Amino acid sequence: MWPVFSKVIAVPAAIGIAASASGCGERNEPALPADMEAASPQSHRRADGTMPATGTASPVPDLSRQADKADPPPDKPKDACAGHIVHDGADKGKAQPLRPRFNVGYQVLDFDCPGKDGRGGTLTVAVWYPTATQPKAHNYGGRTGGSVAPDGEPLAEGAPYPLLVFSHGYGGGGLSAVFLAEVLAARGWIVACPDHHDKDSAVRIRAGQVKDFDRLALLQHAREIAASGPGNRAGYMYRLDEMKLALDGMLASERFGRLIDAERIAVGGHSFGGFAALGLAGTLPERRDPRVKALLLFSTGAGSYLYSDEELKAVRVPSMLFMGEREADQRRGSRTMSELSARIFVSVAPPKYFLVVRDAGHFSFNNSFWDSRAARALLSGTEEQFDVIRKYSIAFLEKHVLGKNGADIVPGRTDRMLTRCLAEPAPPPDAAARSAGTDAPSRGTGPRRRIRAFALRVHAPARCRRRPPLSIAKFRCTGR
């Protein structure tokens, strides 16, 4: 069994294969106080089997800083790693933790899903949301736990809330991003994560572990996806259908529809899920959903090789893309993850962000449902990695969906959990008008050459602080 999954980990596909769950249940432990300092879900139990107390979340970075004399020009990509930390109180000399604003409720919904090619019937969606009900320790399966109020009454006070619809990787399930969903809901969001109808599924929201799924078939189908391109993606369009169904279903839901702000919606995805999120964000004109205001991507190769350059250029909403440091050289088909990530970042319109998480792999963006310590280490992220992914994701969403500019900033620091990061703000209106009338780029600055240069700089030594060739981004390397 384990050798098979060892092969799955190395498969050349940008596919997120979730670890199997060992069942779901709850622990009736004392409720956490309403004024707890953080709402971060814990991924591991103590040795005695009890759930650890909720820890303190890290400060939220501020991605909203405007250019000043010390910054790069506004039409050039900015280094987002300089350590932008929000202060949340009168003590401006001390960074405050990211504090939850609400208790978090958790509920599972079922939407009618028209079957296609043997798929469908019902789309199961995991939902996290603000509630006044006191939370308690909850086990989602395996070693993944959190603090939620199952079926708690959604809180009308504070509504309408923004919505994030998040798509998991191939073979995974709607519980893959618990580490983000709980904390985002505690900040006043509704988060919906569907169980997609992939040919193979290792974990489901309700059933937990799928004990009899075909591991070899999953591996084979992952390879097929990695070998695909824009010309033969028709068999994967069910992902976009189901993501839109989850969005529409939430807005039409009797319990949640009236609590959602239809003007503040974001989509996201990990791996194969990035393909679906990009589709709704604008790569395909007939699939673009104008309600989507921002795009969050975790380690997605499929989001690159299943679209053409022109299709990726059609994405006009703010975006944030993460990649793991350890996966930069791993191939998805004929290209490395650094090349595929570069292709997305170079193509989509600003404002946009690209972050490389230290010592992270493709599965570091997943919660783990394995009991084996070795499997958890390979198929899930660490708490430090979850924390840095969470804090920048939340800063991005609150900036570009909610319009929050953050508080005071402490400049000049580096984030040791990020090895590379780029930020390119939206150009001012007059600059955009000028660029619309310019000629085509000169020789040496075309998309392919820019992508190649970008990918090379992902591997640049940390000591390198030279301005890179060609006209992409200024890199400021954080120390190793």
Protein backbone atom coordinates (compact mmCIF):
# COMPACT_ATOMS: atom_id res chain seq x y z
CA MET A 1 0.00 0.00 0.00
CA TRP A 2 2.66 2.51 0.95
CA PRO A 3 4.88 1.78 -2.10
CA VAL A 4 1.94 2.63 -4.32
CA PHE A 5 1.51 5.98 -2.65
CA SER A 6 5.24 6.60 -2.84
CA LYS A 7 4.80 6.44 -6.59
CA VAL A 8 1.76 8.69 -6.42
CA ILE A 9 3.78 11.36 -4.62
CA ALA A 10 6.33 11.38 -7.43
CA VAL A 11 3.79 11.35 -10.26
CA PRO A 12 4.51 14.06 -12.82
CA ALA A 13 1.13 15.73 -12.50
CA ALA A 14 -0.07 18.85 -10.78
CA ILE A 15 -2.74 16.78 -9.06
CA GLY A 16 -3.54 17.04 -5.35
CA ILE A 17 -4.19 13.50 -4.12
CA ALA A 18 -5.60 13.78 -0.65
CA ALA A 19 -4.56 11.31 2.00
CA SER A 20 -7.20 8.86 3.12
CA ALA A 21 -9.22 9.65 6.20
CA SER A 22 -9.74 7.21 9.00
CA GLY A 23 -13.30 8.26 9.79
CA CYS A 24 -15.04 11.30 11.19
CA GLY A 25 -16.38 12.11 14.59
CA GLU A 26 -16.48 14.64 17.38
CA ARG A 27 -14.97 15.01 20.81
CA ASN A 28 -17.16 16.58 23.48
CA GLU A 29 -14.60 18.82 25.12
CA PRO A 30 -15.16 22.16 26.85
CA ALA A 31 -16.03 24.98 24.47
CA LEU A 32 -13.32 27.49 23.73
CA PRO A 33 -13.97 30.99 25.07
CA ALA A 34 -15.47 33.47 22.66
CA ASP A 35 -12.50 35.83 23.07
CA MET A 36 -9.89 33.17 22.29
CA GLU A 37 -6.75 34.56 20.70
CA ALA A 38 -6.90 32.43 17.53
CA ALA A 39 -9.07 30.06 15.60
CA SER A 40 -6.33 28.02 13.99
CA PRO A 41 -7.28 24.36 13.46
CA GLN A 42 -4.80 21.88 14.87
CA SER A 43 -3.62 19.08 12.63
CA HIS A 44 -2.21 16.76 15.27
CA ARG A 45 -3.35 15.28 18.54
CA ARG A 46 -1.24 14.99 21.63
CA ALA A 47 0.30 11.65 22.48
CA ASP A 48 -2.56 10.94 24.87
CA GLY A 49 -5.07 11.39 22.05
CA THR A 50 -6.55 14.71 23.22
CA MET A 51 -6.90 17.72 20.98
CA PRO A 52 -4.40 20.50 21.73
CA ALA A 53 -5.69 23.90 22.68
CA THR A 54 -6.00 26.41 19.91
CA GLY A 55 -2.75 28.30 19.49
CA THR A 56 -1.95 31.90 18.65
CA ALA A 57 -2.08 32.83 15.01
CA SER A 58 0.62 34.86 13.36
CA PRO A 59 0.26 38.53 12.48
CA VAL A 60 -1.44 39.24 9.17
CA PRO A 61 0.89 40.71 6.54
CA ASP A 62 -0.33 43.88 4.86
CA LEU A 63 -0.19 43.63 1.08
CA SER A 64 -1.75 47.02 0.57
CA ARG A 65 1.23 49.34 0.99
CA GLN A 66 1.28 52.10 -1.59
CA ALA A 67 4.47 52.96 -3.42
CA ASP A 68 6.57 55.73 -1.95
CA LYS A 69 10.03 57.05 -2.68
CA ALA A 70 11.66 53.96 -1.25
CA ASP A 71 9.49 51.58 -3.25
CA PRO A 72 9.82 50.41 -6.86
CA PRO A 73 7.80 52.43 -9.38
CA PRO A 74 4.09 51.60 -9.27
CA ASP A 75 4.18 49.90 -12.69
CA LYS A 76 6.93 47.48 -11.59
CA PRO A 77 6.46 44.33 -9.53
CA LYS A 78 7.13 44.91 -5.83
CA ASP A 79 8.76 42.62 -3.35
CA ALA A 80 5.97 41.54 -0.99
CA CYS A 81 8.36 39.72 1.34
CA ALA A 82 9.68 42.80 3.05
CA GLY A 83 7.75 41.95 6.18
CA HIS A 84 4.48 43.84 6.14
CA ILE A 85 2.87 43.18 9.50
CA VAL A 86 -0.43 44.59 10.62
CA HIS A 87 -0.80 46.23 14.01
CA ASP A 88 -4.19 45.73 15.62
CA GLY A 89 -4.01 47.97 18.63
CA ALA A 90 -2.61 51.06 20.24
CA ASP A 91 0.78 49.45 20.81
CA LYS A 92 2.34 50.18 17.44
CA GLY A 93 5.68 48.77 18.47
CA LYS A 94 4.38 45.24 18.81
CA ALA A 95 2.72 43.11 16.16
CA GLN A 96 -0.60 41.69 17.31
CA PRO A 97 -1.94 38.23 16.41
CA LEU A 98 -4.64 37.70 13.83
CA ARG A 99 -7.71 37.68 16.02
CA PRO A 100 -10.93 35.86 15.12
CA ARG A 101 -14.05 37.96 14.98
CA PHE A 102 -16.56 35.10 15.16
CA ASN A 103 -17.08 31.57 16.35
CA VAL A 104 -17.08 29.14 13.44
CA GLY A 105 -19.96 26.91 12.42
CA TYR A 106 -19.58 23.84 10.21
CA GLN A 107 -22.23 22.20 8.07
CA VAL A 108 -22.41 19.80 5.13
CA LEU A 109 -24.84 20.56 2.31
CA ASP A 110 -25.99 18.54 -0.70
CA PHE A 111 -26.88 20.15 -4.03
CA ASP A 112 -28.54 18.37 -6.93
CA CYS A 113 -25.87 17.75 -9.55
CA PRO A 114 -26.81 16.73 -13.12
CA GLY A 115 -24.88 13.57 -13.96
CA LYS A 116 -22.42 13.60 -16.83
CA ASP A 117 -20.39 10.60 -17.98
CA GLY A 118 -21.50 8.63 -14.96
CA ARG A 119 -20.69 11.42 -12.53
CA GLY A 120 -23.06 13.57 -10.52
CA GLY A 121 -26.29 13.00 -8.69
CA THR A 122 -25.43 15.00 -5.60
CA LEU A 123 -22.67 17.53 -4.98
CA THR A 124 -21.62 17.47 -1.33
CA VAL A 125 -20.20 20.74 -0.02
CA ALA A 126 -18.47 21.45 3.30
CA VAL A 127 -19.33 24.92 4.61
CA TRP A 128 -17.66 27.01 7.33
CA TYR A 129 -19.35 30.21 8.47
CA PRO A 130 -19.71 32.71 11.36
CA THR A 131 -21.98 31.64 14.20
CA ALA A 132 -22.82 32.69 17.74
CA THR A 133 -22.88 29.05 18.86
CA GLN A 134 -19.98 28.04 21.08
CA PRO A 135 -17.49 25.81 19.23
CA LYS A 136 -16.01 22.56 20.46
CA ALA A 137 -13.12 20.36 19.42
CA HIS A 138 -13.99 18.55 16.22
CA ASN A 139 -12.24 15.75 14.35
CA TYR A 140 -12.62 15.83 10.57
CA GLY A 141 -10.83 12.53 10.13
CA GLY A 142 -7.39 11.07 10.84
CA ARG A 143 -5.22 13.63 12.62
CA THR A 144 -7.02 16.70 11.28
CA GLY A 145 -9.05 18.52 13.91
CA GLY A 146 -10.34 21.97 14.62
CA SER A 147 -12.75 24.00 16.71
CA VAL A 148 -16.23 24.44 15.23
CA ALA A 149 -19.91 24.36 16.11
CA PRO A 150 -21.37 21.58 13.91
CA ASP A 151 -24.72 22.70 12.45
CA GLY A 152 -24.58 25.89 14.50
CA GLU A 153 -27.03 28.58 13.49
CA PRO A 154 -25.46 31.02 10.99
CA LEU A 155 -25.03 34.45 12.52
CA ALA A 156 -27.21 37.09 10.84
CA GLU A 157 -25.54 39.92 12.71
CA GLY A 158 -22.56 41.01 10.65
CA ALA A 159 -24.03 39.77 7.36
CA PRO A 160 -23.74 39.92 4.43
CA TYR A 161 -20.47 37.98 4.43
CA PRO A 162 -18.01 37.44 1.58
CA LEU A 163 -17.81 33.95 0.06
CA LEU A 164 -14.83 31.80 -0.94
CA VAL A 165 -15.47 28.69 -3.06
CA PHE A 166 -12.41 26.42 -3.00
CA SER A 167 -11.69 23.42 -5.26
CA HIS A 168 -9.53 20.50 -4.06
CA GLY A 169 -6.90 18.58 -6.04
CA TYR A 170 -7.59 15.45 -8.06
CA GLY A 171 -8.65 12.49 -5.91
CA GLY A 172 -9.04 14.67 -2.85
CA GLY A 173 -12.07 16.05 -1.05
CA GLY A 174 -13.70 19.15 0.36
CA LEU A 175 -11.75 18.85 3.62
CA SER A 176 -8.35 19.39 2.06
CA ALA A 177 -8.08 23.05 3.12
CA VAL A 178 -9.51 22.94 6.65
CA PHE A 179 -6.43 24.82 7.84
CA LEU A 180 -7.54 27.86 5.81
CA ALA A 181 -11.33 27.48 5.90
CA GLU A 182 -11.75 27.64 9.69
CA VAL A 183 -9.57 30.69 10.20
CA LEU A 184 -11.11 32.53 7.25
CA ALA A 185 -14.61 31.85 8.60
CA ALA A 186 -13.49 33.22 11.96
CA ARG A 187 -12.60 36.44 10.15
CA GLY A 188 -16.15 36.78 8.83
CA TRP A 189 -16.22 34.72 5.62
CA ILE A 190 -18.38 31.88 4.41
CA VAL A 191 -16.20 29.16 2.86
CA ALA A 192 -17.63 26.42 0.62
CA CYS A 193 -15.53 23.42 -0.48
CA PRO A 194 -17.18 20.79 -2.73
CA ASP A 195 -16.41 17.09 -3.09
CA HIS A 196 -15.76 16.90 -6.83
CA HIS A 197 -16.80 13.81 -8.77
CA ASP A 198 -13.36 12.71 -9.93
CA LYS A 199 -12.94 9.22 -11.34
CA ASP A 200 -10.98 8.35 -8.21
CA SER A 201 -11.47 9.71 -4.69
CA ALA A 202 -9.33 8.92 -1.66
CA VAL A 203 -11.39 10.91 0.84
CA ARG A 204 -14.93 12.31 1.03
CA ILE A 205 -16.49 14.90 3.29
CA ARG A 206 -19.03 12.58 4.89
CA ALA A 207 -17.51 9.13 4.52
CA GLY A 208 -13.97 10.07 5.39
CA GLN A 209 -11.61 7.38 4.14
CA VAL A 210 -12.55 5.61 0.93
CA LYS A 211 -11.00 2.30 1.87
CA ASP A 212 -11.44 0.48 -1.42
CA PHE A 213 -10.44 3.15 -3.94
CA ASP A 214 -8.12 1.99 -6.72
CA ARG A 215 -4.72 3.52 -6.07
CA LEU A 216 -3.23 2.36 -9.37
CA ALA A 217 -6.18 3.80 -11.31
CA LEU A 218 -5.79 7.09 -9.46
CA LEU A 219 -2.12 7.19 -10.43
CA GLN A 220 -2.92 6.42 -14.05
CA HIS A 221 -5.61 9.08 -14.29
CA ALA A 222 -3.29 11.62 -12.68
CA ARG A 223 -0.73 10.89 -15.39
CA GLU A 224 -3.38 11.28 -18.07
CA ILE A 225 -4.31 14.71 -16.77
CA ALA A 226 -0.66 15.78 -16.66
CA ALA A 227 -0.24 14.74 -20.30
CA SER A 228 -3.26 16.80 -21.37
CA GLY A 229 -3.45 20.28 -22.82
CA PRO A 230 -5.99 22.86 -23.97
CA GLY A 231 -6.95 20.68 -26.93
CA ASN A 232 -8.08 17.66 -24.91
CA ARG A 233 -9.41 19.11 -21.67
CA ALA A 234 -13.08 18.53 -22.50
CA GLY A 235 -13.26 15.59 -20.11
CA TYR A 236 -12.27 17.82 -17.20
CA MET A 237 -14.87 20.56 -17.66
CA TYR A 238 -17.09 18.88 -15.04
CA ARG A 239 -14.80 20.55 -12.51
CA LEU A 240 -15.90 24.00 -13.67
CA ASP A 241 -19.54 22.88 -13.74
CA GLU A 242 -19.36 21.66 -10.15
CA MET A 243 -17.53 24.72 -8.88
CA LYS A 244 -20.18 26.99 -10.39
CA LEU A 245 -22.88 24.73 -8.98
CA ALA A 246 -21.37 25.13 -5.52
CA LEU A 247 -21.31 28.92 -5.95
CA ASP A 248 -24.87 29.10 -7.27
CA GLY A 249 -26.07 26.62 -4.67
CA MET A 250 -24.68 28.69 -1.83
CA LEU A 251 -26.33 31.85 -3.12
CA ALA A 252 -29.65 30.03 -3.55
CA SER A 253 -29.41 28.23 -0.21
CA GLU A 254 -32.29 28.95 2.11
CA ARG A 255 -29.93 28.99 5.08
CA PHE A 256 -26.94 30.86 3.62
CA GLY A 257 -28.09 32.74 0.53
CA ARG A 258 -29.39 35.80 2.37
CA LEU A 259 -26.16 35.99 4.38
CA ILE A 260 -23.79 36.12 1.39
CA ASP A 261 -22.66 39.30 -0.34
CA ALA A 262 -22.90 38.45 -4.04
CA GLU A 263 -20.56 41.34 -4.82
CA ARG A 264 -17.73 39.93 -2.69
CA ILE A 265 -16.91 36.46 -3.98
CA ALA A 266 -13.54 34.78 -4.47
CA VAL A 267 -12.60 31.39 -5.90
CA GLY A 268 -9.56 29.26 -5.22
CA GLY A 269 -8.07 25.87 -5.83
CA HIS A 270 -5.19 23.52 -5.13
CA SER A 271 -3.51 21.67 -7.99
CA PHE A 272 -6.23 20.35 -10.35
CA GLY A 273 -8.61 22.64 -8.46
CA GLY A 274 -6.68 25.61 -9.81
CA PHE A 275 -7.88 24.65 -13.29
CA ALA A 276 -11.50 25.05 -12.16
CA ALA A 277 -10.85 28.30 -10.29
CA LEU A 278 -9.08 29.87 -13.26
CA GLY A 279 -11.99 28.89 -15.51
CA LEU A 280 -14.48 30.82 -13.39
CA ALA A 281 -12.02 33.71 -13.03
CA GLY A 282 -11.90 34.40 -16.75
CA THR A 283 -9.72 32.06 -18.83
CA LEU A 284 -12.76 30.93 -20.80
CA PRO A 285 -15.14 33.77 -21.79
CA GLU A 286 -18.18 31.49 -21.83
CA ARG A 287 -17.33 30.20 -18.34
CA ARG A 288 -16.28 33.44 -16.71
CA ASP A 289 -18.36 34.34 -13.67
CA PRO A 290 -18.51 38.15 -13.27
CA ARG A 291 -19.28 37.73 -9.57
CA VAL A 292 -15.72 36.49 -8.93
CA LYS A 293 -13.55 39.30 -7.59
CA ALA A 294 -10.32 37.48 -6.67
CA LEU A 295 -8.41 34.25 -7.35
CA LEU A 296 -6.35 32.18 -4.86
CA LEU A 297 -4.16 29.37 -6.24
CA PHE A 298 -2.15 26.74 -4.37
CA SER A 299 0.53 24.77 -6.27
CA THR A 300 -1.30 24.35 -9.56
CA GLY A 301 0.34 22.90 -12.65
CA ALA A 302 -2.98 21.96 -14.22
CA GLY A 303 -4.00 25.60 -14.05
CA SER A 304 -1.14 26.30 -16.44
CA TYR A 305 -0.86 23.42 -18.92
CA LEU A 306 -4.64 23.07 -19.49
CA TYR A 307 -4.90 26.68 -20.72
CA SER A 308 -3.26 28.60 -23.54
CA ASP A 309 -1.25 31.79 -23.04
CA GLU A 310 -4.09 33.87 -24.44
CA GLU A 311 -6.61 32.24 -22.13
CA LEU A 312 -4.47 32.94 -19.05
CA LYS A 313 -4.08 36.56 -20.17
CA ALA A 314 -7.86 36.91 -20.04
CA VAL A 315 -7.82 36.69 -16.22
CA ARG A 316 -8.34 40.26 -15.02
CA VAL A 317 -9.11 39.79 -11.33
CA PRO A 318 -6.50 40.08 -8.55
CA SER A 319 -4.66 36.81 -7.96
CA MET A 320 -2.29 35.16 -5.51
CA LEU A 321 -0.29 32.05 -6.48
CA PHE A 322 1.66 29.81 -4.08
CA MET A 323 4.28 27.19 -4.90
CA GLY A 324 6.36 24.90 -2.68
CA GLU A 325 10.14 25.32 -2.65
CA ARG A 326 10.76 21.56 -2.96
CA GLU A 327 8.53 21.14 -6.02
CA ALA A 328 10.19 23.77 -8.21
CA ASP A 329 12.10 21.19 -10.30
CA GLN A 330 9.35 18.55 -10.34
CA ARG A 331 7.86 17.99 -13.78
CA ARG A 332 4.23 18.08 -14.74
CA GLY A 333 4.30 16.61 -18.20
CA SER A 334 7.18 18.29 -20.04
CA ARG A 335 7.55 21.35 -17.80
CA THR A 336 8.72 21.99 -14.28
CA MET A 337 6.46 23.51 -11.65
CA SER A 338 8.56 26.68 -11.64
CA GLU A 339 7.98 27.05 -15.39
CA LEU A 340 4.27 26.37 -15.07
CA SER A 341 3.89 28.78 -12.15
CA ALA A 342 5.85 31.43 -14.04
CA ARG A 343 3.53 31.04 -17.00
CA ILE A 344 0.50 31.79 -14.83
CA PHE A 345 2.09 34.70 -13.00
CA VAL A 346 3.47 36.35 -16.14
CA SER A 347 0.17 35.97 -18.01
CA VAL A 348 -2.54 37.09 -15.58
CA ALA A 349 -3.23 40.77 -15.09
CA PRO A 350 -2.10 42.70 -12.01
CA PRO A 351 -2.56 43.09 -9.13
CA LYS A 352 -0.93 39.70 -8.63
CA TYR A 353 1.30 37.93 -6.13
CA PHE A 354 3.61 34.92 -6.28
CA LEU A 355 4.97 33.26 -3.12
CA VAL A 356 7.28 30.26 -2.66
CA VAL A 357 6.87 28.53 0.71
CA ARG A 358 10.08 27.32 2.33
CA ASP A 359 10.66 23.54 2.33
CA ALA A 360 7.12 22.95 1.05
CA GLY A 361 6.10 20.32 -1.51
CA HIS A 362 2.99 19.85 -3.60
CA PHE A 363 1.06 18.27 -0.74
CA SER A 364 2.08 20.90 1.82
CA PHE A 365 -1.11 22.74 0.86
CA ASN A 366 -3.29 19.85 2.10
CA ASN A 367 -4.51 18.79 5.50
CA SER A 368 -3.50 15.22 6.33
CA PHE A 369 -5.88 12.36 7.03
CA TRP A 370 -3.24 9.71 7.56
CA ASP A 371 -2.44 8.15 10.90
CA SER A 372 1.06 7.17 9.77
CA ARG A 373 3.66 9.74 10.78
CA ALA A 374 5.66 9.12 7.58
CA ALA A 375 2.59 9.59 5.41
CA ARG A 376 1.65 12.80 7.24
CA ALA A 377 5.11 14.21 6.65
CA LEU A 378 4.90 13.54 2.91
CA LEU A 379 1.22 14.27 2.25
CA SER A 380 0.57 17.37 4.33
CA GLY A 381 2.01 20.69 5.39
CA THR A 382 3.53 21.62 8.73
CA GLU A 383 1.87 24.08 11.08
CA GLU A 384 4.47 26.70 10.13
CA GLN A 385 3.70 26.21 6.45
CA PHE A 386 -0.04 26.32 7.06
CA ASP A 387 0.44 29.51 9.03
CA VAL A 388 2.33 31.38 6.31
CA ILE A 389 -0.11 30.20 3.62
CA ARG A 390 -3.04 31.29 5.80
CA LYS A 391 -1.79 34.71 6.75
CA TYR A 392 -0.85 35.83 3.23
CA SER A 393 -4.02 34.32 1.75
CA ILE A 394 -6.19 36.18 4.27
CA ALA A 395 -4.29 39.44 3.78
CA PHE A 396 -4.79 39.10 0.01
CA LEU A 397 -8.51 38.30 0.25
CA GLU A 398 -9.23 41.04 2.76
CA LYS A 399 -7.35 43.56 0.62
CA HIS A 400 -8.80 42.72 -2.79
CA VAL A 401 -12.27 41.43 -1.94
CA LEU A 402 -13.14 43.45 1.16
CA GLY A 403 -11.08 46.52 0.26
CA LYS A 404 -9.27 46.63 3.60
CA ASN A 405 -6.02 48.56 3.54
CA GLY A 406 -4.66 47.24 6.82
CA ALA A 407 -3.13 49.26 9.62
CA ASP A 408 0.43 50.35 10.28
CA ILE A 409 3.27 48.51 8.59
CA VAL A 410 6.63 47.45 9.95
CA PRO A 411 8.91 47.56 6.88
CA GLY A 412 12.30 46.04 6.33
CA ARG A 413 11.74 42.58 7.80
CA THR A 414 11.87 39.29 5.94
CA ASP A 415 9.58 36.32 6.32
CA ARG A 416 11.76 33.28 6.88
CA MET A 417 8.97 30.95 5.70
CA LEU A 418 9.03 32.45 2.20
CA THR A 419 12.03 31.88 -0.05
CA ARG A 420 10.73 33.98 -2.93
CA CYS A 421 7.87 36.39 -3.41
CA LEU A 422 6.75 38.90 -6.01
CA ALA A 423 3.96 41.43 -6.02
CA GLU A 424 2.86 43.51 -8.97
CA PRO A 425 0.26 46.17 -8.18
CA ALA A 426 -2.32 47.30 -10.67
CA PRO A 427 -0.99 50.16 -12.78
CA PRO A 428 -2.59 53.56 -12.29
CA PRO A 429 -5.28 54.39 -14.85
CA ASP A 430 -3.04 56.76 -16.83
CA ALA A 431 -0.28 54.12 -17.06
CA ALA A 432 -2.80 51.52 -18.23
CA ALA A 433 -4.01 53.91 -20.93
CA ARG A 434 -0.43 54.53 -22.09
CA SER A 435 0.39 50.81 -22.22
CA ALA A 436 -2.71 50.15 -24.31
CA GLY A 437 -1.23 52.26 -27.10
CA THR A 438 2.33 50.94 -27.02
CA ASP A 439 3.88 48.73 -29.62
CA ALA A 440 4.57 45.02 -29.16
CA PRO A 441 7.39 44.12 -26.76
CA SER A 442 10.90 44.31 -28.16
CA ARG A 443 12.86 41.18 -28.98
CA GLY A 444 13.93 39.34 -25.85
CA THR A 445 10.96 40.34 -23.72
CA GLY A 446 8.25 38.10 -25.20
CA PRO A 447 6.15 35.80 -22.99
CA ARG A 448 8.25 32.67 -23.50
CA ARG A 449 11.54 34.40 -22.73
CA ARG A 450 10.02 36.15 -19.73
CA ILE A 451 8.69 32.84 -18.38
CA ARG A 452 12.09 31.19 -18.82
CA ALA A 453 13.84 34.03 -17.00
CA PHE A 454 11.26 33.99 -14.22
CA ALA A 455 11.66 30.23 -13.72
CA LEU A 456 15.45 30.55 -13.56
CA ARG A 457 15.20 33.21 -10.88
CA VAL A 458 13.09 30.96 -8.68
CA HIS A 459 16.26 28.87 -8.33
CA ALA A 460 18.62 31.83 -7.87
CA PRO A 461 20.85 31.61 -4.76
CA ALA A 462 19.55 33.55 -1.81
CA ARG A 463 22.65 35.75 -1.85
CA CYS A 464 21.79 36.98 -5.36
CA ARG A 465 20.44 40.53 -5.23
CA ARG A 466 21.19 41.63 -8.78
CA ARG A 467 18.50 43.00 -10.98
CA PRO A 468 17.49 40.04 -13.16
CA PRO A 469 17.70 40.12 -16.96
CA LEU A 470 14.67 40.98 -19.03
CA SER A 471 11.72 43.00 -17.88
CA ILE A 472 9.94 40.92 -15.30
CA ALA A 473 10.19 41.39 -11.61
CA LYS A 474 12.67 42.76 -9.17
CA PHE A 475 13.65 39.95 -6.80
CA ARG A 476 14.61 40.51 -3.23
CA CYS A 477 15.84 37.19 -1.89
CA THR A 478 15.12 36.30 1.70
CA GLY A 479 18.08 34.69 3.43
CA ARG A 480 18.35 30.94 3.78
